[in-house]
């Protein structure tokens, strides 16, 4: 379930430990490793999969035989960081993945293997831009400075496509408005039910699954939890969905906008603040839409930093084809087009549902499961620290081009970036993330994503040939 053991000895800060601390670390790691082996033996697994997510959200892993898990967990599984989307050189030596024992998960589709999420260390310290490390630091700061914890619940949307990736796998899934369509859902019963039953066995608390707004698009919801728990589960869910589909000759894709005329895959994130001592919800209060002073300031920080936040929430070239898409075949994009907020209104960037929480509707499924909540936390803490206040709520239909109120919101609200390059420029210009994450972590993200944009710009597309060959 959602309960978590105390942090393992390797999960401390990034400063270089003393020789005495290193000795304690080694002793602690050996103790932790034996726990891994004991759990593996009890579960009957043959291998552990030491896994981490790089800055592009790609899951990397090594398989470790049960017989060697003690020694590997004590020292860390070694990786060449340059081979991943991390800012490392070929000469930088081993990047070490240190397992977090709390995350051990036997693969429901292959019970001989246990997956475990890892924290990254390099040269005796935490790798500053390791995505899980960034989130852990932000959550620790939220607790230490403000006495708060962050809980999140994520709506993971995905498409099931054929092996080529060129078309929706179900040729009968062709309705103009397919959202919640019963037959479309039940034709994928084997995939959806296997995922739901796996979540139930793992204690995630799945509570509903549905066919989403696009043909071939699905969503499965599970209970919210501490932000780090949810991030680990999102990383695992993407792995699980792909694996369950692949064994049936299908592909699950989390690409933000795989089809031009269909609704893209959002990563709507429900956020709530809680008292670190009591666990009480800290979002409920007397201000607009039932929010507390703290939650309102947190919201204001997110809105204030939304253009920069887009670099993390919408981290690919393709992301901006979802945000600024024309009306889809179903009638709505379900993605925001302006920095605005309000009540239970799904056309806004931030929605406040009936319960005391915020729903951020900006992100897509390419968002890094660790960096995205870390960015939300950083922006929200900026709002609390500066005692920011949000603009007036926009209680109108932002998709209605003829609505004067919506037109006024678009005229006065900060503009969302229209491309990844524009988002990266906003991220670079923001002192909030440099102060929160550290200048080196922001620089690493910018360097990697700028190189990604450069690679796209150098690509000669079929569109260019069609436009210019005979011009």
Protein backbone atom coordinates (compact mmCIF):
# COMPACT_ATOMS: atom_id res chain seq x y z
CA UNK A 1 0.00 0.00 0.00
CA UNK A 2 1.01 3.59 0.56
CA UNK A 3 2.88 3.05 3.83
CA UNK A 4 6.62 3.65 3.60
CA UNK A 5 9.52 2.61 5.78
CA UNK A 6 12.09 5.17 7.02
CA UNK A 7 14.53 6.47 4.43
CA UNK A 8 17.46 4.13 3.75
CA UNK A 9 20.94 5.32 4.74
CA UNK A 10 21.84 6.41 1.21
CA UNK A 11 19.04 8.94 0.82
CA UNK A 12 20.62 11.86 2.65
CA UNK A 13 21.71 15.20 1.27
CA UNK A 14 24.17 15.93 -1.47
CA UNK A 15 27.12 17.18 0.62
CA UNK A 16 30.22 14.95 0.70
CA UNK A 17 30.01 12.62 3.72
CA UNK A 18 32.83 12.25 6.23
CA UNK A 19 34.85 9.03 6.45
CA UNK A 20 32.83 8.06 9.54
CA UNK A 21 29.60 8.76 7.68
CA UNK A 22 30.83 6.70 4.73
CA UNK A 23 31.51 3.78 7.07
CA UNK A 24 27.98 4.07 8.48
CA UNK A 25 26.64 4.35 4.95
CA UNK A 26 28.36 1.11 3.93
CA UNK A 27 27.09 -0.66 7.04
CA UNK A 28 23.59 0.66 6.43
CA UNK A 29 23.69 -0.32 2.77
CA UNK A 30 24.65 -3.89 3.71
CA UNK A 31 21.75 -4.03 6.14
CA UNK A 32 19.41 -2.66 3.49
CA UNK A 33 20.71 -5.11 0.91
CA UNK A 34 20.05 -8.10 3.13
CA UNK A 35 16.46 -6.84 3.45
CA UNK A 36 16.20 -6.87 -0.34
CA UNK A 37 17.48 -10.42 -0.56
CA UNK A 38 15.17 -11.61 2.20
CA UNK A 39 12.18 -10.05 0.46
CA UNK A 40 13.26 -11.53 -2.85
CA UNK A 41 13.61 -15.01 -1.38
CA UNK A 42 10.22 -14.75 0.33
CA UNK A 43 8.59 -13.66 -2.95
CA UNK A 44 10.31 -16.34 -4.99
CA UNK A 45 11.92 -13.91 -7.42
CA UNK A 46 15.09 -14.69 -9.35
CA UNK A 47 16.13 -11.15 -10.31
CA UNK A 48 15.88 -7.57 -9.15
CA UNK A 49 15.51 -4.84 -11.73
CA UNK A 50 17.38 -1.77 -10.44
CA UNK A 51 15.62 1.10 -12.22
CA UNK A 52 15.76 4.88 -12.52
CA UNK A 53 14.30 7.53 -14.79
CA UNK A 54 16.60 9.95 -16.63
CA UNK A 55 15.84 13.60 -17.39
CA UNK A 56 13.84 12.72 -20.51
CA UNK A 57 11.68 10.32 -18.51
CA UNK A 58 13.22 7.21 -20.08
CA UNK A 59 13.34 4.30 -17.67
CA UNK A 60 16.79 2.68 -17.40
CA UNK A 61 17.56 -0.53 -15.54
CA UNK A 62 19.89 -3.43 -14.86
CA UNK A 63 18.92 -6.94 -13.88
CA UNK A 64 20.63 -8.21 -10.75
CA UNK A 65 20.48 -11.92 -9.82
CA UNK A 66 19.06 -12.57 -6.37
CA UNK A 67 22.32 -14.29 -5.41
CA UNK A 68 24.29 -11.04 -5.92
CA UNK A 69 21.76 -8.45 -4.74
CA UNK A 70 23.55 -7.96 -1.39
CA UNK A 71 26.81 -6.75 -2.91
CA UNK A 72 25.20 -4.75 -5.73
CA UNK A 73 22.80 -2.95 -3.40
CA UNK A 74 25.67 -2.11 -1.05
CA UNK A 75 27.78 -0.49 -3.76
CA UNK A 76 25.08 0.47 -6.27
CA UNK A 77 24.39 -0.81 -9.76
CA UNK A 78 26.82 0.91 -12.10
CA UNK A 79 25.76 2.79 -15.22
CA UNK A 80 27.54 4.97 -17.77
CA UNK A 81 25.60 8.20 -17.24
CA UNK A 82 26.63 9.58 -20.64
CA UNK A 83 24.64 6.76 -22.27
CA UNK A 84 21.44 8.15 -20.69
CA UNK A 85 19.74 11.54 -20.91
CA UNK A 86 21.90 13.01 -18.15
CA UNK A 87 24.53 15.73 -18.28
CA UNK A 88 27.54 13.48 -17.91
CA UNK A 89 30.65 12.82 -19.99
CA UNK A 90 32.09 9.48 -21.16
CA UNK A 91 35.00 10.14 -18.78
CA UNK A 92 32.85 10.59 -15.67
CA UNK A 93 33.09 7.06 -14.34
CA UNK A 94 30.26 5.05 -12.83
CA UNK A 95 26.86 6.46 -12.00
CA UNK A 96 25.50 4.35 -9.13
CA UNK A 97 21.83 3.41 -8.75
CA UNK A 98 21.06 2.83 -5.05
CA UNK A 99 17.83 0.90 -4.44
CA UNK A 100 15.02 2.27 -2.28
CA UNK A 101 13.77 -0.86 -0.53
CA UNK A 102 10.33 0.65 0.04
CA UNK A 103 9.60 0.49 -3.69
CA UNK A 104 10.23 -3.23 -4.29
CA UNK A 105 7.49 -4.44 -6.64
CA UNK A 106 7.20 -7.91 -8.12
CA UNK A 107 6.31 -7.54 -11.79
CA UNK A 108 2.70 -8.72 -12.11
CA UNK A 109 3.38 -9.94 -15.66
CA UNK A 110 6.64 -11.74 -14.73
CA UNK A 111 6.79 -12.83 -11.12
CA UNK A 112 10.42 -13.93 -11.40
CA UNK A 113 11.49 -10.27 -11.41
CA UNK A 114 11.18 -7.58 -8.73
CA UNK A 115 11.42 -3.93 -9.82
CA UNK A 116 12.95 -1.39 -7.44
CA UNK A 117 13.27 2.37 -7.88
CA UNK A 118 16.73 3.80 -7.32
CA UNK A 119 18.36 7.07 -6.29
CA UNK A 120 21.40 8.17 -8.29
CA UNK A 121 24.83 8.81 -6.75
CA UNK A 122 28.08 9.88 -8.35
CA UNK A 123 31.50 10.21 -6.74
CA UNK A 124 30.08 9.63 -3.26
CA UNK A 125 27.30 12.22 -3.52
CA UNK A 126 23.78 12.39 -4.86
CA UNK A 127 23.69 13.27 -8.54
CA UNK A 128 22.20 16.76 -8.32
CA UNK A 129 20.08 16.47 -11.46
CA UNK A 130 18.89 12.91 -10.89
CA UNK A 131 15.10 13.38 -11.25
CA UNK A 132 14.14 11.38 -8.15
CA UNK A 133 16.77 13.26 -6.14
CA UNK A 134 15.32 16.59 -7.29
CA UNK A 135 11.83 15.62 -6.11
CA UNK A 136 13.09 14.30 -2.78
CA UNK A 137 14.92 17.58 -2.13
CA UNK A 138 11.85 19.68 -2.92
CA UNK A 139 9.59 17.58 -0.69
CA UNK A 140 12.13 17.81 2.14
CA UNK A 141 12.23 21.61 1.76
CA UNK A 142 8.43 21.82 1.81
CA UNK A 143 8.38 19.86 5.06
CA UNK A 144 11.29 21.61 6.74
CA UNK A 145 10.45 25.20 5.80
CA UNK A 146 6.64 25.14 5.73
CA UNK A 147 5.70 22.08 7.78
CA UNK A 148 3.75 20.67 4.82
CA UNK A 149 3.64 17.52 2.73
CA UNK A 150 2.50 17.29 -0.88
CA UNK A 151 0.11 14.59 -2.02
CA UNK A 152 -0.65 13.98 -5.67
CA UNK A 153 -2.96 11.90 -7.81
CA UNK A 154 -2.25 11.61 -11.52
CA UNK A 155 -4.62 10.77 -14.37
CA UNK A 156 -2.50 8.74 -16.80
CA UNK A 157 -3.93 8.82 -20.33
CA UNK A 158 -2.49 6.59 -23.04
CA UNK A 159 -3.25 5.23 -26.50
CA UNK A 160 -3.26 1.59 -27.53
CA UNK A 161 -1.93 1.46 -31.08
CA UNK A 162 -0.90 -1.27 -33.50
CA UNK A 163 2.67 -2.54 -33.69
CA UNK A 164 3.57 -0.03 -36.39
CA UNK A 165 2.44 2.86 -34.20
CA UNK A 166 0.68 4.36 -37.20
CA UNK A 167 -2.93 3.61 -36.24
CA UNK A 168 -5.24 2.92 -33.33
CA UNK A 169 -5.14 -0.84 -32.75
CA UNK A 170 -8.93 -1.29 -32.63
CA UNK A 171 -10.28 -0.67 -36.14
CA UNK A 172 -13.84 -0.58 -34.76
CA UNK A 173 -12.93 2.31 -32.43
CA UNK A 174 -13.96 5.06 -34.83
CA UNK A 175 -16.78 6.98 -33.13
CA UNK A 176 -16.79 10.76 -33.43
CA UNK A 177 -17.28 11.10 -29.65
CA UNK A 178 -15.73 7.93 -28.18
CA UNK A 179 -15.29 9.12 -24.58
CA UNK A 180 -16.68 6.56 -22.09
CA UNK A 181 -17.85 4.40 -25.01
CA UNK A 182 -18.73 1.01 -23.52
CA UNK A 183 -17.88 -1.23 -26.46
CA UNK A 184 -14.56 0.52 -27.06
CA UNK A 185 -13.63 -0.08 -23.42
CA UNK A 186 -14.70 -3.72 -23.36
CA UNK A 187 -12.88 -4.59 -26.58
CA UNK A 188 -9.73 -3.83 -24.59
CA UNK A 189 -10.98 -5.62 -21.46
CA UNK A 190 -7.99 -7.98 -21.28
CA UNK A 191 -5.46 -5.14 -21.18
CA UNK A 192 -7.41 -2.85 -18.87
CA UNK A 193 -8.47 -5.57 -16.44
CA UNK A 194 -4.93 -6.98 -16.19
CA UNK A 195 -3.61 -3.53 -15.27
CA UNK A 196 -6.40 -2.87 -12.75
CA UNK A 197 -5.96 -6.26 -11.09
CA UNK A 198 -2.21 -5.69 -10.87
CA UNK A 199 -2.80 -2.34 -9.15
CA UNK A 200 -5.21 -3.93 -6.71
CA UNK A 201 -2.67 -6.62 -5.84
CA UNK A 202 -0.01 -3.94 -5.31
CA UNK A 203 -2.26 -1.90 -3.01
CA UNK A 204 -2.55 1.17 -5.22
CA UNK A 205 -6.33 1.41 -4.84
CA UNK A 206 -7.54 1.62 -8.45
CA UNK A 207 -11.11 2.90 -8.53
CA UNK A 208 -12.11 3.39 -12.16
CA UNK A 209 -11.00 2.85 -15.75
CA UNK A 210 -12.49 4.29 -18.90
CA UNK A 211 -12.21 4.87 -22.62
CA UNK A 212 -11.02 8.44 -22.99
CA UNK A 213 -11.88 11.25 -25.40
CA UNK A 214 -9.84 10.03 -28.38
CA UNK A 215 -10.23 6.83 -30.35
CA UNK A 216 -7.93 4.21 -28.88
CA UNK A 217 -7.27 6.27 -25.73
CA UNK A 218 -7.70 4.99 -22.16
CA UNK A 219 -7.22 6.06 -18.56
CA UNK A 220 -6.98 4.20 -15.25
CA UNK A 221 -7.26 6.06 -11.93
CA UNK A 222 -5.83 5.03 -8.59
CA UNK A 223 -5.70 6.58 -5.10
CA UNK A 224 -3.63 9.68 -4.44
CA UNK A 225 -0.63 9.43 -2.11
CA UNK A 226 2.57 11.19 -1.10
CA UNK A 227 4.11 12.83 -4.16
CA UNK A 228 7.16 10.53 -4.20
CA UNK A 229 4.97 7.42 -3.94
CA UNK A 230 2.81 8.63 -6.82
CA UNK A 231 5.87 9.48 -8.94
CA UNK A 232 7.27 5.96 -8.48
CA UNK A 233 3.88 4.53 -9.39
CA UNK A 234 3.57 6.64 -12.55
CA UNK A 235 7.01 5.44 -13.66
CA UNK A 236 5.99 1.84 -12.97
CA UNK A 237 2.55 2.25 -14.58
CA UNK A 238 4.07 3.35 -17.89
CA UNK A 239 6.37 0.33 -17.79
CA UNK A 240 3.46 -1.98 -16.91
CA UNK A 241 1.09 -0.65 -19.60
CA UNK A 242 3.71 -1.05 -22.31
CA UNK A 243 4.62 -4.55 -21.14
CA UNK A 244 1.02 -5.76 -20.88
CA UNK A 245 0.24 -4.42 -24.36
CA UNK A 246 3.41 -5.77 -25.97
CA UNK A 247 2.70 -9.36 -24.98
CA UNK A 248 -0.55 -9.06 -26.96
CA UNK A 249 1.09 -7.62 -30.06
CA UNK A 250 -0.06 -4.08 -29.19
CA UNK A 251 1.73 -0.88 -28.18
CA UNK A 252 0.86 1.54 -25.40
CA UNK A 253 2.05 5.03 -26.19
CA UNK A 254 2.24 8.04 -23.89
CA UNK A 255 3.17 10.41 -26.69
CA UNK A 256 1.33 13.69 -26.06
CA UNK A 257 -0.23 14.01 -29.54
CA UNK A 258 0.21 10.89 -31.68
CA UNK A 259 -2.68 11.73 -34.05
CA UNK A 260 -3.33 15.20 -35.46
CA UNK A 261 -7.13 15.11 -35.31
CA UNK A 262 -7.53 13.33 -31.95
CA UNK A 263 -7.35 14.62 -28.39
CA UNK A 264 -3.85 14.34 -26.90
CA UNK A 265 -2.86 12.48 -23.74
CA UNK A 266 -2.89 14.73 -20.71
CA UNK A 267 -1.29 14.12 -17.33
CA UNK A 268 -3.78 15.92 -15.09
CA UNK A 269 -2.26 16.20 -11.63
CA UNK A 270 -4.41 16.58 -8.51
CA UNK A 271 -2.48 18.32 -5.74
CA UNK A 272 -3.20 18.79 -2.06
CA UNK A 273 -1.14 20.17 0.83
CA UNK A 274 -1.19 18.49 4.24
CA UNK A 275 0.09 19.34 7.70
CA UNK A 276 3.30 17.34 8.11
CA UNK A 277 2.60 16.70 11.80
CA UNK A 278 -1.08 15.75 11.71
CA UNK A 279 -1.74 14.86 8.06
CA UNK A 280 -4.70 17.24 8.00
CA UNK A 281 -5.63 18.74 4.63
CA UNK A 282 -4.26 22.30 4.54
CA UNK A 283 -6.13 23.38 1.39
CA UNK A 284 -9.60 24.03 2.82
CA UNK A 285 -10.35 27.61 3.85
CA UNK A 286 -12.50 30.72 3.50
CA UNK A 287 -11.07 32.18 0.28
CA UNK A 288 -12.34 31.82 -3.29
CA UNK A 289 -13.54 28.33 -4.19
CA UNK A 290 -13.04 27.17 -0.62
CA UNK A 291 -9.25 27.44 -0.52
CA UNK A 292 -7.07 28.35 2.44
CA UNK A 293 -4.55 31.21 2.50
CA UNK A 294 -1.72 28.72 2.03
CA UNK A 295 -3.37 26.87 -0.85
CA UNK A 296 -4.28 30.15 -2.55
CA UNK A 297 -0.67 31.36 -2.35
CA UNK A 298 0.56 27.98 -3.60
CA UNK A 299 -1.88 28.24 -6.52
CA UNK A 300 -0.70 31.78 -7.25
CA UNK A 301 2.90 30.57 -7.42
CA UNK A 302 1.98 27.87 -9.92
CA UNK A 303 0.15 30.38 -12.12
CA UNK A 304 2.98 32.89 -11.82
CA UNK A 305 5.49 30.30 -13.00
CA UNK A 306 3.24 28.55 -15.55
CA UNK A 307 5.22 29.65 -18.65
CA UNK A 308 8.44 28.31 -17.10
CA UNK A 309 6.67 25.28 -15.66
CA UNK A 310 5.63 24.32 -19.19
CA UNK A 311 9.24 23.38 -19.96
CA UNK A 312 8.84 20.50 -17.47
CA UNK A 313 5.11 19.81 -17.79
CA UNK A 314 5.25 19.80 -21.61
CA UNK A 315 8.82 18.69 -22.30
CA UNK A 316 8.76 17.60 -25.96
CA UNK A 317 8.43 19.14 -29.41
CA UNK A 318 5.19 17.18 -29.78
CA UNK A 319 3.76 18.54 -26.51
CA UNK A 320 2.84 21.87 -28.08
CA UNK A 321 0.76 20.19 -30.76
CA UNK A 322 -1.52 19.14 -27.89
CA UNK A 323 -1.60 22.54 -26.15
CA UNK A 324 -2.28 24.61 -29.23
CA UNK A 325 -4.24 22.12 -31.29
CA UNK A 326 -7.29 23.11 -33.29
CA UNK A 327 -10.57 21.62 -32.10
CA UNK A 328 -10.35 17.85 -32.32
CA UNK A 329 -12.85 15.48 -33.93
CA UNK A 330 -14.53 14.96 -30.52
CA UNK A 331 -15.20 18.68 -30.14
CA UNK A 332 -12.61 19.74 -27.50
CA UNK A 333 -8.87 19.47 -26.88
CA UNK A 334 -9.30 19.29 -23.08
CA UNK A 335 -6.02 21.19 -22.71
CA UNK A 336 -5.60 24.78 -21.47
CA UNK A 337 -4.82 27.67 -23.79
CA UNK A 338 -4.34 30.40 -21.17
CA UNK A 339 -2.91 30.82 -17.66
CA UNK A 340 -6.12 30.91 -15.65
CA UNK A 341 -7.94 29.14 -12.83
CA UNK A 342 -11.41 28.71 -11.38
CA UNK A 343 -13.90 26.25 -9.97
CA UNK A 344 -15.04 22.92 -11.36
CA UNK A 345 -14.31 23.94 -14.94
CA UNK A 346 -12.21 21.68 -17.18
CA UNK A 347 -11.35 24.41 -19.71
CA UNK A 348 -8.95 26.10 -17.26
CA UNK A 349 -5.28 25.53 -16.52
CA UNK A 350 -6.03 24.95 -12.82
CA UNK A 351 -9.38 23.57 -11.74
CA UNK A 352 -10.59 23.52 -8.13
CA UNK A 353 -12.96 20.53 -7.86
CA UNK A 354 -15.50 20.18 -5.08
CA UNK A 355 -12.93 18.56 -2.76
CA UNK A 356 -10.17 20.76 -1.25
CA UNK A 357 -7.47 20.26 -3.86
CA UNK A 358 -6.09 21.72 -7.09
CA UNK A 359 -6.10 19.99 -10.46
CA UNK A 360 -3.30 21.12 -12.78
CA UNK A 361 -4.36 20.40 -16.37
CA UNK A 362 -1.26 21.72 -18.16
CA UNK A 363 0.97 18.63 -18.32
CA UNK A 364 1.00 15.81 -20.85
CA UNK A 365 2.15 12.23 -20.46
CA UNK A 366 5.69 12.99 -21.62
CA UNK A 367 6.22 14.89 -18.35
CA UNK A 368 8.95 13.37 -16.19
CA UNK A 369 7.11 11.69 -13.26
CA UNK A 370 9.62 13.13 -10.76
CA UNK A 371 10.56 16.51 -12.23
CA UNK A 372 6.94 17.56 -12.82
CA UNK A 373 5.84 17.33 -9.15
CA UNK A 374 9.20 18.83 -8.16
CA UNK A 375 8.42 21.81 -10.41
CA UNK A 376 4.91 22.13 -8.94
CA UNK A 377 6.38 22.13 -5.42
CA UNK A 378 9.01 24.73 -6.31
CA UNK A 379 6.48 27.06 -7.96
CA UNK A 380 3.99 26.64 -5.13
CA UNK A 381 6.58 27.35 -2.43
CA UNK A 382 7.57 30.48 -4.35
CA UNK A 383 3.93 31.58 -4.10
CA UNK A 384 3.81 30.92 -0.35
CA UNK A 385 7.13 32.66 0.31
CA UNK A 386 6.14 35.75 -1.68
CA UNK A 387 2.54 35.75 -0.35
CA UNK A 388 1.28 35.90 -3.95
CA UNK A 389 -2.36 36.22 -4.85
CA UNK A 390 -3.87 34.74 -8.01
CA UNK A 391 -5.92 36.73 -10.50
CA UNK A 392 -9.69 36.59 -10.27
CA UNK A 393 -11.07 33.15 -11.13
CA UNK A 394 -12.18 32.67 -14.72
CA UNK A 395 -15.62 31.14 -14.48
CA UNK A 396 -16.25 30.91 -18.21
CA UNK A 397 -15.83 28.49 -21.10
CA UNK A 398 -12.31 29.12 -22.36
CA UNK A 399 -13.01 27.00 -25.46
CA UNK A 400 -15.81 29.33 -26.61
CA UNK A 401 -14.26 31.67 -29.18
CA UNK A 402 -17.35 33.91 -29.05
CA UNK A 403 -17.30 34.40 -25.25
CA UNK A 404 -16.25 37.97 -24.29
CA UNK A 405 -15.16 36.86 -20.79
CA UNK A 406 -12.86 34.19 -22.25
CA UNK A 407 -11.44 36.70 -24.73
CA UNK A 408 -10.68 39.10 -21.86
CA UNK A 409 -8.90 36.36 -19.90
CA UNK A 410 -6.74 35.57 -22.93
CA UNK A 411 -5.94 39.24 -23.39
CA UNK A 412 -4.83 39.83 -19.81
CA UNK A 413 -3.42 36.46 -18.70
CA UNK A 414 0.23 35.49 -19.12
CA UNK A 415 0.80 33.65 -22.36
CA UNK A 416 1.73 29.99 -22.46
CA UNK A 417 4.79 29.25 -24.61
CA UNK A 418 3.92 28.00 -28.07
CA UNK A 419 6.97 25.79 -28.60
CA UNK A 420 9.44 23.88 -26.48
CA UNK A 421 12.14 26.47 -27.26
CA UNK A 422 9.90 29.24 -25.94
CA UNK A 423 9.22 27.19 -22.79
CA UNK A 424 12.93 26.56 -22.25
CA UNK A 425 13.58 30.30 -22.57
CA UNK A 426 10.96 30.99 -19.88
CA UNK A 427 12.47 28.27 -17.67
CA UNK A 428 15.94 29.78 -18.13
CA UNK A 429 14.64 33.27 -17.31
CA UNK A 430 12.97 32.14 -14.07
CA UNK A 431 15.07 32.66 -10.92
CA UNK A 432 12.59 30.49 -9.00
CA UNK A 433 13.77 27.17 -10.40
CA UNK A 434 17.46 28.08 -10.27
CA UNK A 435 17.07 28.92 -6.58
CA UNK A 436 14.93 25.87 -5.80
CA UNK A 437 16.59 23.15 -7.89
CA UNK A 438 20.07 24.65 -8.08
CA UNK A 439 21.68 26.35 -11.07
CA UNK A 440 23.54 23.18 -12.12
CA UNK A 441 20.35 21.10 -12.26
CA UNK A 442 18.53 23.75 -14.32
CA UNK A 443 21.58 24.03 -16.61
CA UNK A 444 21.62 20.26 -17.10
CA UNK A 445 17.95 20.24 -18.10
CA UNK A 446 18.38 23.20 -20.45
CA UNK A 447 21.47 21.73 -22.12
CA UNK A 448 19.82 18.38 -22.77
CA UNK A 449 16.53 19.82 -24.00
CA UNK A 450 18.22 22.46 -26.17
CA UNK A 451 20.24 19.71 -27.86
CA UNK A 452 16.93 17.89 -28.40
CA UNK A 453 15.49 20.99 -30.12
CA UNK A 454 18.64 21.34 -32.23
CA UNK A 455 18.27 17.74 -33.41
CA UNK A 456 14.67 18.43 -34.44
CA UNK A 457 15.65 21.60 -36.29
CA UNK A 458 18.27 19.64 -38.25
CA UNK A 459 15.71 17.04 -39.37
CA UNK A 460 14.50 17.35 -42.95
CA UNK A 461 10.80 16.56 -42.73
CA UNK A 462 8.44 15.23 -45.41
CA UNK A 463 6.41 18.44 -44.94
CA UNK A 464 9.38 20.54 -46.10
CA UNK A 465 9.85 18.45 -49.23
CA UNK A 466 6.15 18.68 -50.05
CA UNK A 467 6.14 22.44 -49.55
CA UNK A 468 9.41 23.45 -51.15
CA UNK A 469 10.59 20.86 -53.67
CA UNK A 470 8.89 22.56 -56.59
CA UNK A 471 8.80 26.10 -55.20
